[in-house]
Each structure stands twice: as C-alpha cells, then as structure tokens.
Amino acid sequence: MLDDAAKKGKIGYHPRCKNIDLTHLCFTDDLMIITDGTRSSIDGIIKIFEDFDKMNQRGEEILRQFQFATGKLPVRYLGRLQLINSVIRSLTNFWMAAFRLSSGCIKEIERICSAFLWSGPELNGRKAKISWEDICKMKYEGGLGLRPLMEVNQVSCLKLIWRILSAHSLWVNWIKIYLIRKGSLWTVRDNTQSGSWMWRKVLKSREMAKHFYRVEVGNGRGTSFWYEMWNPMGRLK
C-alpha cells in the first residue's frame, strides 16, 4: 500500500531512497516509514494506516463469526547449552548478519554466555569450570561445538561482501548507487570517508575475501578485468 501510494504521488520518497523506490523497512514487530517529511506525505501515510486498521477489524469480525481457535505454541525448557545455541546465538547471528560487532562487545557476550552455562540466571562467572575457549572447540576436540563469535563475525562480514558482488537486494542496490557509484567494490579506497564505520570494516575485509571469491565471466559486463579472480592464473592486478 505504501509503495503503491508513492508511485501514484500520494506520498513522497525520501531524496536518498527515490532511485531504489524505497518507502519502508519491515522488521519482526516494527515498521519504519521513509518519506520526504512533507505534510501531504504525512496525510497520505495516516490514510494508509487507517485503511490497514479497517482490514484488521475485518479479521476480528471473521474470528467472531467462525469461532476459530487461537492459542500460542508451547515452550519447553531445553537446557542451558541449547538455550545459548538456539536463542542467544540466534540473536547475535541476526545482528552480525548486518553489523560487525566490536571485540569488546563480543567478549562481553561470551562472558555472559559462559556465566549462564555454569550458573544459570545467577550469571556467576566464578563457577565456570572450563574456559570459554575450550567450550567453543569442536566436539571431537573435547568442546561443546559452539562457534567462536569472533569467527562468526568475520564470516558474516565476508558474506556481506559476497552479497555485494553476487546478489540483488535493496541493500546491495543502495550500496552500489551511493557508495560504490561507477566503480567496483575492489576499487573503493580503504581510507574513504563515505559511508559508515561498518562500511569501512567491510572494505578492510576485502583482502581476505579475495582468497575465496571466484568469478564466471559470462558476457563480462559484471566482471572486473583487473581485480577479480576469473583467470586460473590469478588476479591480473
């Protein structure tokens, strides 16, 4: 509804979002509206909210009419290690998929995880019987198989590079238009002042990414002749 209203001129695009037709971002329980901030745009957005609210009211009427059963999924306690793996690690993985966490932040997360593993909600770090480094070893090495967050953080950063080079998404389109512009990811300077702290961290990970990245030339339009690994002999640069 927001996209349709923007295309019809009922709400205005933000100046930095018009080229990629971006009007909003959806999260699990949040909606971020991105607009030019004019009064007519705000009026248009409020009208969309009102129309959407009427749809929800129709859903409630259907529930009353047909008496559908509603409920919540059961939750079962699976143990501290499982909670760390399925809940805490899922949260950190979510953030690391988009941001590179600082080393201090990672150490604090791992300290809390270690304390929770050995003492539960009490979070008493003194009860730890084995170092967290040993806990994070593979099971055949005597650990519990938890992946070190520093390692996951680096892999996630490499994945962002892979997305820029090979995927098509809203984020990739924005990066190419406003940060890479007419060049390629490989030609952007490390000391650039454009973009955020996270963008500069991505740029610093390019050297490691080069060892894993390979290109099929195809028609050649999306391949960097000098910088990318398309030749068995290596990068020409």
C-alpha atoms as a PDB file:
ATOM      1  CA  MET A   1       0.000   0.000   0.000  1.00  0.00           C
ATOM      2  CA  LEU A   2       2.861   2.389   0.783  1.00  0.00           C
ATOM      3  CA  ASP A   3       4.703   1.527  -2.431  1.00  0.00           C
ATOM      4  CA  ASP A   4       1.529   1.964  -4.462  1.00  0.00           C
ATOM      5  CA  ALA A   5       0.806   5.364  -2.869  1.00  0.00           C
ATOM      6  CA  ALA A   6       4.358   6.553  -3.623  1.00  0.00           C
ATOM      7  CA  LYS A   7       4.115   5.517  -7.273  1.00  0.00           C
ATOM      8  CA  LYS A   8       0.817   7.415  -7.561  1.00  0.00           C
ATOM      9  CA  GLY A   9       2.344  10.537  -5.982  1.00  0.00           C
ATOM     10  CA  LYS A  10       0.202  10.412  -2.821  1.00  0.00           C
ATOM     11  CA  ILE A  11       3.324  10.252  -0.622  1.00  0.00           C
ATOM     12  CA  GLY A  12       6.821  11.470  -1.462  1.00  0.00           C
ATOM     13  CA  TYR A  13      10.063   9.496  -1.500  1.00  0.00           C
ATOM     14  CA  HIS A  14      12.997  10.417   0.703  1.00  0.00           C
ATOM     15  CA  PRO A  15      15.651  12.043  -1.558  1.00  0.00           C
ATOM     16  CA  ARG A  16      18.170   9.246  -0.864  1.00  0.00           C
ATOM     17  CA  CYS A  17      15.607   6.492  -1.463  1.00  0.00           C
ATOM     18  CA  LYS A  18      13.833   7.546  -4.650  1.00  0.00           C
ATOM     19  CA  ASN A  19      16.280   5.804  -7.012  1.00  0.00           C
ATOM     20  CA  ILE A  20      15.512   2.424  -5.434  1.00  0.00           C
ATOM     21  CA  ASP A  21      11.778   3.034  -4.791  1.00  0.00           C
ATOM     22  CA  LEU A  22      12.188   2.609  -1.009  1.00  0.00           C
ATOM     23  CA  THR A  23       9.259   3.682   1.185  1.00  0.00           C
ATOM     24  CA  HIS A  24       9.609   1.472   4.280  1.00  0.00           C
ATOM     25  CA  LEU A  25      11.527  -1.255   6.109  1.00  0.00           C
ATOM     26  CA  CYS A  26       9.703  -4.133   7.830  1.00  0.00           C
ATOM     27  CA  PHE A  27      11.013  -5.852  10.961  1.00  0.00           C
ATOM     28  CA  THR A  28       9.537  -8.540  13.199  1.00  0.00           C
ATOM     29  CA  ASP A  29       7.343  -6.130  15.140  1.00  0.00           C
ATOM     30  CA  ASP A  30       8.303  -2.716  13.764  1.00  0.00           C
ATOM     31  CA  LEU A  31       7.680  -0.720  10.605  1.00  0.00           C
ATOM     32  CA  MET A  32       9.954   2.176   9.599  1.00  0.00           C
ATOM     33  CA  ILE A  33       8.364   4.617   7.148  1.00  0.00           C
ATOM     34  CA  ILE A  34      10.810   6.580   4.978  1.00  0.00           C
ATOM     35  CA  THR A  35       9.431   9.701   3.291  1.00  0.00           C
ATOM     36  CA  ASP A  36      10.225  13.303   2.360  1.00  0.00           C
ATOM     37  CA  GLY A  37       8.524  14.620   5.506  1.00  0.00           C
ATOM     38  CA  THR A  38       6.032  16.946   3.818  1.00  0.00           C
ATOM     39  CA  ARG A  39       2.552  17.486   5.233  1.00  0.00           C
ATOM     40  CA  SER A  40       0.881  15.879   2.201  1.00  0.00           C
ATOM     41  CA  SER A  41       3.056  12.772   2.622  1.00  0.00           C
ATOM     42  CA  ILE A  42       2.197  12.500   6.324  1.00  0.00           C
ATOM     43  CA  ASP A  43      -1.501  12.814   5.498  1.00  0.00           C
ATOM     44  CA  GLY A  44      -1.145  10.077   2.888  1.00  0.00           C
ATOM     45  CA  ILE A  45       0.627   7.756   5.336  1.00  0.00           C
ATOM     46  CA  ILE A  46      -2.019   8.294   8.035  1.00  0.00           C
ATOM     47  CA  LYS A  47      -4.723   7.472   5.469  1.00  0.00           C
ATOM     48  CA  ILE A  48      -2.929   4.196   4.635  1.00  0.00           C
ATOM     49  CA  PHE A  49      -2.726   3.323   8.348  1.00  0.00           C
ATOM     50  CA  GLU A  50      -6.444   3.942   8.721  1.00  0.00           C
ATOM     51  CA  ASP A  51      -7.240   1.700   5.743  1.00  0.00           C
ATOM     52  CA  PHE A  52      -4.967  -1.005   7.107  1.00  0.00           C
ATOM     53  CA  ASP A  53      -6.625  -0.782  10.512  1.00  0.00           C
ATOM     54  CA  LYS A  54     -10.008  -1.445   8.865  1.00  0.00           C
ATOM     55  CA  MET A  55      -8.548  -4.645   7.380  1.00  0.00           C
ATOM     56  CA  ASN A  56      -7.529  -5.808  10.878  1.00  0.00           C
ATOM     57  CA  GLN A  57     -11.030  -5.098  12.160  1.00  0.00           C
ATOM     58  CA  ARG A  58     -12.463  -7.322   9.414  1.00  0.00           C
ATOM     59  CA  GLY A  59     -10.127 -10.083  10.593  1.00  0.00           C
ATOM     60  CA  GLU A  60     -11.528  -9.790  14.121  1.00  0.00           C
ATOM     61  CA  GLU A  61     -15.068  -9.990  12.747  1.00  0.00           C
ATOM     62  CA  ILE A  62     -14.177 -13.243  10.947  1.00  0.00           C
ATOM     63  CA  LEU A  63     -12.829 -14.718  14.197  1.00  0.00           C
ATOM     64  CA  ARG A  64     -16.065 -13.819  15.995  1.00  0.00           C
ATOM     65  CA  GLN A  65     -18.209 -15.226  13.200  1.00  0.00           C
ATOM     66  CA  PHE A  66     -16.419 -18.538  12.653  1.00  0.00           C
ATOM     67  CA  GLN A  67     -15.112 -19.190  16.169  1.00  0.00           C
ATOM     68  CA  PHE A  68     -11.625 -20.218  15.108  1.00  0.00           C
ATOM     69  CA  ALA A  69      -9.480 -21.488  17.969  1.00  0.00           C
ATOM     70  CA  THR A  70      -6.439 -19.346  18.764  1.00  0.00           C
ATOM     71  CA  GLY A  71      -3.515 -20.067  21.025  1.00  0.00           C
ATOM     72  CA  LYS A  72       0.238 -19.970  21.495  1.00  0.00           C
ATOM     73  CA  LEU A  73       2.863 -22.550  20.700  1.00  0.00           C
ATOM     74  CA  PRO A  74       4.107 -24.472  23.764  1.00  0.00           C
ATOM     75  CA  VAL A  75       7.585 -23.591  25.030  1.00  0.00           C
ATOM     76  CA  ARG A  76       9.778 -26.296  26.548  1.00  0.00           C
ATOM     77  CA  TYR A  77      12.986 -25.752  28.528  1.00  0.00           C
ATOM     78  CA  LEU A  78      15.801 -27.473  26.640  1.00  0.00           C
ATOM     79  CA  GLY A  79      18.789 -26.837  28.891  1.00  0.00           C
ATOM     80  CA  ARG A  80      21.313 -24.013  29.108  1.00  0.00           C
ATOM     81  CA  LEU A  81      23.530 -25.126  26.232  1.00  0.00           C
ATOM     82  CA  GLN A  82      20.508 -25.440  23.941  1.00  0.00           C
ATOM     83  CA  LEU A  83      19.247 -22.019  25.014  1.00  0.00           C
ATOM     84  CA  ILE A  84      22.644 -20.484  24.243  1.00  0.00           C
ATOM     85  CA  ASN A  85      22.667 -22.173  20.841  1.00  0.00           C
ATOM     86  CA  SER A  86      19.073 -21.541  19.818  1.00  0.00           C
ATOM     87  CA  VAL A  87      18.285 -18.204  21.478  1.00  0.00           C
ATOM     88  CA  ILE A  88      21.366 -16.183  22.403  1.00  0.00           C
ATOM     89  CA  ARG A  89      23.388 -17.221  19.352  1.00  0.00           C
ATOM     90  CA  SER A  90      20.391 -16.595  17.098  1.00  0.00           C
ATOM     91  CA  LEU A  91      20.181 -13.034  18.401  1.00  0.00           C
ATOM     92  CA  THR A  92      23.893 -12.372  17.888  1.00  0.00           C
ATOM     93  CA  ASN A  93      23.835 -14.009  14.444  1.00  0.00           C
ATOM     94  CA  PHE A  94      20.949 -11.729  13.485  1.00  0.00           C
ATOM     95  CA  TRP A  95      22.955  -8.611  14.331  1.00  0.00           C
ATOM     96  CA  MET A  96      26.216  -9.917  12.884  1.00  0.00           C
ATOM     97  CA  ALA A  97      24.464 -10.596   9.573  1.00  0.00           C
ATOM     98  CA  ALA A  98      24.302  -6.801   9.146  1.00  0.00           C
ATOM     99  CA  PHE A  99      26.939  -5.347  11.507  1.00  0.00           C
ATOM    100  CA  ARG A 100      30.466  -6.184  12.570  1.00  0.00           C
ATOM    101  CA  LEU A 101      30.485  -6.229  16.376  1.00  0.00           C
ATOM    102  CA  SER A 102      33.432  -4.744  18.247  1.00  0.00           C
ATOM    103  CA  SER A 103      35.844  -7.076  20.066  1.00  0.00           C
ATOM    104  CA  GLY A 104      34.755  -5.622  23.427  1.00  0.00           C
ATOM    105  CA  CYS A 105      31.099  -6.381  22.670  1.00  0.00           C
ATOM    106  CA  ILE A 106      31.940  -9.961  21.659  1.00  0.00           C
ATOM    107  CA  LYS A 107      33.959 -10.549  24.839  1.00  0.00           C
ATOM    108  CA  GLU A 108      31.054  -9.300  26.970  1.00  0.00           C
ATOM    109  CA  ILE A 109      28.544 -11.573  25.173  1.00  0.00           C
ATOM    110  CA  GLU A 110      30.824 -14.581  25.634  1.00  0.00           C
ATOM    111  CA  ARG A 111      31.362 -13.713  29.308  1.00  0.00           C
ATOM    112  CA  ILE A 112      27.595 -13.689  29.884  1.00  0.00           C
ATOM    113  CA  CYS A 113      27.152 -16.947  27.943  1.00  0.00           C
ATOM    114  CA  SER A 114      29.868 -18.647  29.994  1.00  0.00           C
ATOM    115  CA  ALA A 115      28.346 -17.462  33.263  1.00  0.00           C
ATOM    116  CA  PHE A 116      24.865 -18.607  32.174  1.00  0.00           C
ATOM    117  CA  LEU A 117      26.144 -22.028  31.107  1.00  0.00           C
ATOM    118  CA  TRP A 118      27.659 -22.755  34.521  1.00  0.00           C
ATOM    119  CA  SER A 119      25.347 -20.888  36.905  1.00  0.00           C
ATOM    120  CA  GLY A 120      22.083 -20.178  35.060  1.00  0.00           C
ATOM    121  CA  PRO A 121      20.274 -16.844  35.609  1.00  0.00           C
ATOM    122  CA  GLU A 122      22.578 -16.158  38.559  1.00  0.00           C
ATOM    123  CA  LEU A 123      25.300 -15.302  35.988  1.00  0.00           C
ATOM    124  CA  ASN A 124      28.139 -16.091  38.378  1.00  0.00           C
ATOM    125  CA  GLY A 125      31.287 -16.181  36.276  1.00  0.00           C
ATOM    126  CA  ARG A 126      33.328 -17.696  39.109  1.00  0.00           C
ATOM    127  CA  LYS A 127      31.538 -21.030  38.777  1.00  0.00           C
ATOM    128  CA  ALA A 128      32.966 -21.698  35.301  1.00  0.00           C
ATOM    129  CA  LYS A 129      34.939 -24.956  35.356  1.00  0.00           C
ATOM    130  CA  ILE A 130      36.337 -24.798  31.821  1.00  0.00           C
ATOM    131  CA  SER A 131      37.495 -21.811  29.791  1.00  0.00           C
ATOM    132  CA  TRP A 132      35.149 -20.488  27.142  1.00  0.00           C
ATOM    133  CA  GLU A 133      37.852 -21.047  24.531  1.00  0.00           C
ATOM    134  CA  ASP A 134      37.753 -24.788  25.273  1.00  0.00           C
ATOM    135  CA  ILE A 135      33.941 -24.793  25.305  1.00  0.00           C
ATOM    136  CA  CYS A 136      33.976 -23.413  21.750  1.00  0.00           C
ATOM    137  CA  LYS A 137      36.141 -26.229  20.392  1.00  0.00           C
ATOM    138  CA  MET A 138      34.585 -28.859  18.142  1.00  0.00           C
ATOM    139  CA  LYS A 139      33.113 -31.904  19.898  1.00  0.00           C
ATOM    140  CA  TYR A 140      35.814 -34.229  18.564  1.00  0.00           C
ATOM    141  CA  GLU A 141      38.345 -31.873  20.169  1.00  0.00           C
ATOM    142  CA  GLY A 142      36.646 -32.107  23.560  1.00  0.00           C
ATOM    143  CA  GLY A 143      34.478 -28.974  23.353  1.00  0.00           C
ATOM    144  CA  LEU A 144      30.733 -28.429  23.014  1.00  0.00           C
ATOM    145  CA  GLY A 145      30.769 -27.298  19.393  1.00  0.00           C
ATOM    146  CA  LEU A 146      29.853 -23.627  19.923  1.00  0.00           C
ATOM    147  CA  ARG A 147      31.271 -21.391  17.213  1.00  0.00           C
ATOM    148  CA  PRO A 148      33.543 -18.561  18.480  1.00  0.00           C
ATOM    149  CA  LEU A 149      31.728 -15.274  17.924  1.00  0.00           C
ATOM    150  CA  MET A 150      34.867 -13.603  16.576  1.00  0.00           C
ATOM    151  CA  GLU A 151      34.972 -16.243  13.843  1.00  0.00           C
ATOM    152  CA  VAL A 152      31.253 -15.906  13.091  1.00  0.00           C
ATOM    153  CA  ASN A 153      31.669 -12.132  12.976  1.00  0.00           C
ATOM    154  CA  GLN A 154      34.371 -12.399  10.320  1.00  0.00           C
ATOM    155  CA  VAL A 155      32.385 -14.907   8.261  1.00  0.00           C
ATOM    156  CA  SER A 156      29.326 -12.628   8.379  1.00  0.00           C
ATOM    157  CA  CYS A 157      31.421  -9.725   7.094  1.00  0.00           C
ATOM    158  CA  LEU A 158      32.678 -11.899   4.224  1.00  0.00           C
ATOM    159  CA  LYS A 159      29.082 -12.809   3.450  1.00  0.00           C
ATOM    160  CA  LEU A 160      28.212  -9.108   3.105  1.00  0.00           C
ATOM    161  CA  ILE A 161      30.999  -8.816   0.526  1.00  0.00           C
ATOM    162  CA  TRP A 162      29.635 -11.868  -1.298  1.00  0.00           C
ATOM    163  CA  ARG A 163      26.171 -10.287  -1.390  1.00  0.00           C
ATOM    164  CA  ILE A 164      27.517  -7.055  -2.870  1.00  0.00           C
ATOM    165  CA  LEU A 165      29.372  -8.995  -5.561  1.00  0.00           C
ATOM    166  CA  SER A 166      26.763 -11.581  -6.489  1.00  0.00           C
ATOM    167  CA  ALA A 167      23.296 -10.780  -5.124  1.00  0.00           C
ATOM    168  CA  HIS A 168      20.491  -8.355  -5.934  1.00  0.00           C
ATOM    169  CA  SER A 169      18.698  -6.765  -2.981  1.00  0.00           C
ATOM    170  CA  LEU A 170      17.534  -3.419  -1.656  1.00  0.00           C
ATOM    171  CA  TRP A 171      20.711  -3.049   0.436  1.00  0.00           C
ATOM    172  CA  VAL A 172      23.030  -4.030  -2.425  1.00  0.00           C
ATOM    173  CA  ASN A 173      21.340  -1.569  -4.785  1.00  0.00           C
ATOM    174  CA  TRP A 174      21.766   1.245  -2.257  1.00  0.00           C
ATOM    175  CA  ILE A 175      25.449   0.388  -1.706  1.00  0.00           C
ATOM    176  CA  LYS A 176      26.144   0.373  -5.447  1.00  0.00           C
ATOM    177  CA  ILE A 177      24.361   3.677  -6.110  1.00  0.00           C
ATOM    178  CA  TYR A 178      25.639   5.744  -3.178  1.00  0.00           C
ATOM    179  CA  LEU A 179      28.957   4.175  -2.058  1.00  0.00           C
ATOM    180  CA  ILE A 180      30.467   2.250  -4.963  1.00  0.00           C
ATOM    181  CA  ARG A 181      28.962   4.514  -7.626  1.00  0.00           C
ATOM    182  CA  LYS A 182      30.555   3.955 -11.062  1.00  0.00           C
ATOM    183  CA  GLY A 183      33.476   1.823  -9.873  1.00  0.00           C
ATOM    184  CA  SER A 184      33.563  -1.639  -8.318  1.00  0.00           C
ATOM    185  CA  LEU A 185      33.896  -2.909  -4.753  1.00  0.00           C
ATOM    186  CA  TRP A 186      37.578  -3.632  -5.365  1.00  0.00           C
ATOM    187  CA  THR A 187      38.449  -0.082  -6.427  1.00  0.00           C
ATOM    188  CA  VAL A 188      36.943   1.773  -3.432  1.00  0.00           C
ATOM    189  CA  ARG A 189      39.739   3.214  -1.263  1.00  0.00           C
ATOM    190  CA  ASP A 190      40.233   1.784   2.248  1.00  0.00           C
ATOM    191  CA  ASN A 191      40.529   5.278   3.728  1.00  0.00           C
ATOM    192  CA  THR A 192      37.315   6.583   2.146  1.00  0.00           C
ATOM    193  CA  GLN A 193      35.243   8.908   4.304  1.00  0.00           C
ATOM    194  CA  SER A 194      31.989   7.854   2.612  1.00  0.00           C
ATOM    195  CA  GLY A 195      29.593   5.517   4.360  1.00  0.00           C
ATOM    196  CA  SER A 196      29.576   4.304   7.947  1.00  0.00           C
ATOM    197  CA  TRP A 197      32.089   2.634  10.260  1.00  0.00           C
ATOM    198  CA  MET A 198      30.583  -0.687   9.208  1.00  0.00           C
ATOM    199  CA  TRP A 199      31.182   0.071   5.529  1.00  0.00           C
ATOM    200  CA  ARG A 200      34.860   0.729   6.206  1.00  0.00           C
ATOM    201  CA  LYS A 201      35.098  -2.575   8.102  1.00  0.00           C
ATOM    202  CA  VAL A 202      33.638  -4.331   5.069  1.00  0.00           C
ATOM    203  CA  LEU A 203      36.258  -2.699   2.866  1.00  0.00           C
ATOM    204  CA  LYS A 204      39.068  -3.888   5.157  1.00  0.00           C
ATOM    205  CA  SER A 205      37.813  -7.478   4.826  1.00  0.00           C
ATOM    206  CA  ARG A 206      38.246  -7.457   1.050  1.00  0.00           C
ATOM    207  CA  GLU A 207      41.792  -8.816   1.200  1.00  0.00           C
ATOM    208  CA  MET A 208      40.596 -11.964   2.974  1.00  0.00           C
ATOM    209  CA  ALA A 209      37.589 -12.254   0.643  1.00  0.00           C
ATOM    210  CA  LYS A 210      39.866 -12.341  -2.405  1.00  0.00           C
ATOM    211  CA  HIS A 211      41.120 -15.805  -1.396  1.00  0.00           C
ATOM    212  CA  PHE A 212      37.596 -17.270  -1.538  1.00  0.00           C
ATOM    213  CA  TYR A 213      35.985 -15.366  -4.410  1.00  0.00           C
ATOM    214  CA  ARG A 214      35.850 -16.752  -7.958  1.00  0.00           C
ATOM    215  CA  VAL A 215      34.052 -15.315 -10.998  1.00  0.00           C
ATOM    216  CA  GLU A 216      32.447 -16.900 -14.050  1.00  0.00           C
ATOM    217  CA  VAL A 217      32.932 -14.300 -16.764  1.00  0.00           C
ATOM    218  CA  GLY A 218      29.726 -14.829 -18.747  1.00  0.00           C
ATOM    219  CA  ASN A 219      29.281 -11.803 -21.006  1.00  0.00           C
ATOM    220  CA  GLY A 220      31.926  -9.928 -18.998  1.00  0.00           C
ATOM    221  CA  ARG A 221      29.756  -6.958 -18.073  1.00  0.00           C
ATOM    222  CA  GLY A 222      29.747  -7.747 -14.362  1.00  0.00           C
ATOM    223  CA  THR A 223      33.395  -8.803 -14.102  1.00  0.00           C
ATOM    224  CA  SER A 224      36.353  -6.650 -13.087  1.00  0.00           C
ATOM    225  CA  PHE A 225      39.167  -7.374 -15.579  1.00  0.00           C
ATOM    226  CA  TRP A 226      41.994  -6.396 -13.201  1.00  0.00           C
ATOM    227  CA  TYR A 227      40.728  -7.159  -9.722  1.00  0.00           C
ATOM    228  CA  GLU A 228      38.619 -10.340  -9.825  1.00  0.00           C
ATOM    229  CA  MET A 229      39.658 -13.987  -9.966  1.00  0.00           C
ATOM    230  CA  TRP A 230      38.325 -15.077 -13.362  1.00  0.00           C
ATOM    231  CA  ASN A 231      41.618 -16.462 -14.699  1.00  0.00           C
ATOM    232  CA  PRO A 232      43.170 -19.737 -13.384  1.00  0.00           C
ATOM    233  CA  MET A 233      46.494 -17.876 -13.112  1.00  0.00           C
ATOM    234  CA  GLY A 234      45.025 -15.454 -10.570  1.00  0.00           C
ATOM    235  CA  ARG A 235      44.051 -11.758 -10.443  1.00  0.00           C
ATOM    236  CA  LEU A 236      45.826  -9.675 -13.086  1.00  0.00           C
ATOM    237  CA  LYS A 237      46.256  -6.772 -10.656  1.00  0.00           C
END
